[in-house]
Amino acid sequence: MFGWIGTVTGVTGGITIALNTSYSKYAFLVFLISSCCWLIQGIKNKDKALIILNTVFMTIDLIGIYRWILPDLMA
């Protein structure tokens, strides 16, 4: 289940960024959901590479949220 959610949210985030609209910055939130799902899947499957990859992706997503979304919320 987590694999499918991770797949759908990953594709949705990619399309959102590729469209380059005013909503593209919110793709970081969608990617964060994807990374969390894939991290859970990696833990369930004891797949160290998947765990490391999605831990890094989660960090990148959080940086994107910090740089692109939070400033708008603070203004």
N, C-alpha and C. Protein backbone atom coordinates (compact mmCIF):
# COMPACT_ATOMS: atom_id res chain seq x y z
N MET A 1 0.81 -1.19 0.00
CA MET A 1 0.00 0.00 0.00
C MET A 1 0.86 1.26 0.00
N PHE A 2 1.88 1.31 0.87
CA PHE A 2 2.73 2.48 0.94
C PHE A 2 3.49 2.70 -0.37
N GLY A 3 3.86 1.61 -1.03
CA GLY A 3 4.55 1.72 -2.31
C GLY A 3 3.69 2.41 -3.36
N TRP A 4 2.41 2.06 -3.41
CA TRP A 4 1.52 2.69 -4.38
C TRP A 4 1.26 4.16 -4.05
N ILE A 5 1.08 4.46 -2.77
CA ILE A 5 0.89 5.86 -2.39
C ILE A 5 2.15 6.66 -2.73
N GLY A 6 3.31 6.09 -2.44
CA GLY A 6 4.57 6.74 -2.77
C GLY A 6 4.73 6.96 -4.26
N THR A 7 4.30 6.00 -5.05
CA THR A 7 4.39 6.12 -6.50
C THR A 7 3.47 7.23 -7.02
N VAL A 8 2.21 7.20 -6.60
CA VAL A 8 1.24 8.19 -7.08
C VAL A 8 1.64 9.60 -6.65
N THR A 9 2.05 9.77 -5.41
CA THR A 9 2.43 11.10 -4.96
C THR A 9 3.74 11.56 -5.60
N GLY A 10 4.65 10.65 -5.86
CA GLY A 10 5.90 11.00 -6.54
C GLY A 10 5.64 11.49 -7.96
N VAL A 11 4.78 10.78 -8.68
CA VAL A 11 4.44 11.19 -10.05
C VAL A 11 3.69 12.52 -10.03
N THR A 12 2.76 12.66 -9.08
CA THR A 12 2.00 13.91 -8.97
C THR A 12 2.92 15.09 -8.68
N GLY A 13 3.86 14.91 -7.77
CA GLY A 13 4.82 15.98 -7.46
C GLY A 13 5.67 16.34 -8.67
N GLY A 14 6.12 15.33 -9.40
CA GLY A 14 6.92 15.57 -10.60
C GLY A 14 6.16 16.35 -11.66
N ILE A 15 4.91 15.98 -11.88
CA ILE A 15 4.08 16.70 -12.85
C ILE A 15 3.84 18.13 -12.39
N THR A 16 3.59 18.31 -11.10
CA THR A 16 3.35 19.64 -10.55
C THR A 16 4.55 20.56 -10.78
N ILE A 17 5.74 20.05 -10.56
CA ILE A 17 6.93 20.87 -10.79
C ILE A 17 7.13 21.11 -12.28
N ALA A 18 6.92 20.09 -13.09
CA ALA A 18 7.14 20.23 -14.53
C ALA A 18 6.21 21.26 -15.17
N LEU A 19 5.01 21.43 -14.63
CA LEU A 19 4.07 22.39 -15.18
C LEU A 19 4.48 23.84 -14.90
N ASN A 20 5.35 24.04 -13.90
CA ASN A 20 5.89 25.36 -13.57
C ASN A 20 4.78 26.41 -13.42
N THR A 21 3.87 26.13 -12.51
CA THR A 21 2.79 27.06 -12.22
C THR A 21 3.02 27.69 -10.85
N SER A 22 2.11 28.53 -10.44
CA SER A 22 2.23 29.14 -9.11
C SER A 22 2.07 28.10 -8.00
N TYR A 23 1.54 26.93 -8.34
CA TYR A 23 1.35 25.86 -7.36
C TYR A 23 2.55 24.91 -7.29
N SER A 24 3.53 25.10 -8.16
CA SER A 24 4.65 24.16 -8.23
C SER A 24 5.40 24.01 -6.92
N LYS A 25 5.47 25.08 -6.12
CA LYS A 25 6.20 24.98 -4.85
C LYS A 25 5.56 23.97 -3.90
N TYR A 26 4.26 23.74 -4.05
CA TYR A 26 3.59 22.79 -3.17
C TYR A 26 3.92 21.34 -3.50
N ALA A 27 4.63 21.14 -4.59
CA ALA A 27 5.08 19.79 -4.92
C ALA A 27 6.01 19.24 -3.83
N PHE A 28 6.70 20.15 -3.11
CA PHE A 28 7.57 19.68 -2.03
C PHE A 28 6.76 18.95 -0.95
N LEU A 29 5.55 19.40 -0.69
CA LEU A 29 4.68 18.71 0.28
C LEU A 29 4.28 17.33 -0.24
N VAL A 30 3.97 17.27 -1.52
CA VAL A 30 3.57 16.00 -2.13
C VAL A 30 4.76 15.05 -2.14
N PHE A 31 5.94 15.57 -2.50
CA PHE A 31 7.16 14.75 -2.48
C PHE A 31 7.48 14.27 -1.07
N LEU A 32 7.20 15.08 -0.07
CA LEU A 32 7.45 14.67 1.32
C LEU A 32 6.58 13.46 1.68
N ILE A 33 5.33 13.49 1.26
CA ILE A 33 4.44 12.35 1.49
C ILE A 33 5.00 11.12 0.78
N SER A 34 5.43 11.31 -0.46
CA SER A 34 6.01 10.21 -1.23
C SER A 34 7.23 9.62 -0.52
N SER A 35 8.13 10.49 -0.09
CA SER A 35 9.35 10.04 0.59
C SER A 35 9.04 9.29 1.88
N CYS A 36 8.06 9.79 2.63
CA CYS A 36 7.66 9.11 3.87
C CYS A 36 7.13 7.71 3.58
N CYS A 37 6.30 7.62 2.55
CA CYS A 37 5.73 6.31 2.19
C CYS A 37 6.82 5.34 1.75
N TRP A 38 7.75 5.83 0.93
CA TRP A 38 8.83 4.95 0.47
C TRP A 38 9.78 4.59 1.61
N LEU A 39 9.96 5.49 2.56
CA LEU A 39 10.78 5.18 3.72
C LEU A 39 10.14 4.06 4.53
N ILE A 40 8.84 4.16 4.75
CA ILE A 40 8.12 3.10 5.47
C ILE A 40 8.23 1.77 4.71
N GLN A 41 8.07 1.83 3.39
CA GLN A 41 8.18 0.62 2.58
C GLN A 41 9.59 0.02 2.69
N GLY A 42 10.60 0.90 2.68
CA GLY A 42 11.98 0.42 2.82
C GLY A 42 12.23 -0.23 4.17
N ILE A 43 11.65 0.34 5.22
CA ILE A 43 11.79 -0.24 6.56
C ILE A 43 11.10 -1.60 6.62
N LYS A 44 9.88 -1.67 6.06
CA LYS A 44 9.15 -2.94 6.05
C LYS A 44 9.91 -4.03 5.31
N ASN A 45 10.59 -3.65 4.21
CA ASN A 45 11.31 -4.62 3.39
C ASN A 45 12.77 -4.77 3.78
N LYS A 46 13.19 -4.01 4.80
CA LYS A 46 14.59 -4.03 5.25
C LYS A 46 15.54 -3.72 4.09
N ASP A 47 15.16 -2.72 3.29
CA ASP A 47 15.93 -2.31 2.12
C ASP A 47 16.73 -1.05 2.48
N LYS A 48 18.00 -1.24 2.83
CA LYS A 48 18.82 -0.14 3.31
C LYS A 48 18.98 0.97 2.27
N ALA A 49 19.14 0.60 1.01
CA ALA A 49 19.31 1.61 -0.04
C ALA A 49 18.06 2.49 -0.14
N LEU A 50 16.88 1.89 -0.09
CA LEU A 50 15.63 2.64 -0.16
C LEU A 50 15.46 3.54 1.06
N ILE A 51 15.87 3.05 2.21
CA ILE A 51 15.80 3.84 3.45
C ILE A 51 16.70 5.07 3.36
N ILE A 52 17.94 4.86 2.93
CA ILE A 52 18.89 5.97 2.83
C ILE A 52 18.43 6.98 1.78
N LEU A 53 18.04 6.48 0.60
CA LEU A 53 17.60 7.36 -0.47
C LEU A 53 16.45 8.25 -0.04
N ASN A 54 15.45 7.69 0.60
CA ASN A 54 14.28 8.47 0.96
C ASN A 54 14.48 9.31 2.20
N THR A 55 15.44 8.97 3.03
CA THR A 55 15.83 9.87 4.12
C THR A 55 16.46 11.13 3.54
N VAL A 56 17.30 10.96 2.53
CA VAL A 56 17.90 12.11 1.85
C VAL A 56 16.82 12.92 1.13
N PHE A 57 15.91 12.24 0.42
CA PHE A 57 14.83 12.95 -0.26
C PHE A 57 13.96 13.73 0.72
N MET A 58 13.68 13.15 1.88
CA MET A 58 12.88 13.85 2.89
C MET A 58 13.59 15.12 3.35
N THR A 59 14.90 15.03 3.52
CA THR A 59 15.68 16.20 3.92
C THR A 59 15.59 17.28 2.84
N ILE A 60 15.72 16.89 1.58
CA ILE A 60 15.61 17.84 0.47
C ILE A 60 14.21 18.44 0.44
N ASP A 61 13.19 17.63 0.64
CA ASP A 61 11.81 18.13 0.64
C ASP A 61 11.60 19.14 1.77
N LEU A 62 12.14 18.86 2.93
CA LEU A 62 12.00 19.79 4.06
C LEU A 62 12.73 21.11 3.79
N ILE A 63 13.88 21.04 3.13
CA ILE A 63 14.58 22.27 2.75
C ILE A 63 13.72 23.06 1.75
N GLY A 64 13.12 22.36 0.78
CA GLY A 64 12.25 23.02 -0.18
C GLY A 64 11.05 23.68 0.48
N ILE A 65 10.46 23.00 1.45
CA ILE A 65 9.32 23.57 2.19
C ILE A 65 9.78 24.80 2.96
N TYR A 66 10.93 24.71 3.60
CA TYR A 66 11.48 25.83 4.37
C TYR A 66 11.76 27.04 3.47
N ARG A 67 12.30 26.78 2.28
CA ARG A 67 12.70 27.88 1.40
C ARG A 67 11.56 28.44 0.56
N TRP A 68 10.58 27.61 0.19
CA TRP A 68 9.56 28.05 -0.77
C TRP A 68 8.18 28.24 -0.19
N ILE A 69 7.83 27.52 0.86
CA ILE A 69 6.46 27.61 1.38
C ILE A 69 6.40 28.44 2.68
N LEU A 70 7.30 28.17 3.61
CA LEU A 70 7.25 28.88 4.89
C LEU A 70 7.38 30.40 4.78
N PRO A 71 8.24 30.92 3.89
CA PRO A 71 8.30 32.39 3.79
C PRO A 71 6.95 33.02 3.43
N ASP A 72 6.17 32.37 2.59
CA ASP A 72 4.84 32.89 2.24
C ASP A 72 3.90 32.85 3.45
N LEU A 73 4.03 31.85 4.28
CA LEU A 73 3.18 31.73 5.46
C LEU A 73 3.56 32.76 6.52
N MET A 74 4.83 33.15 6.56
CA MET A 74 5.32 34.09 7.56
C MET A 74 5.05 35.55 7.15
N ALA A 75 4.81 35.78 5.86
CA ALA A 75 4.62 37.17 5.37
C ALA A 75 3.27 37.74 5.77
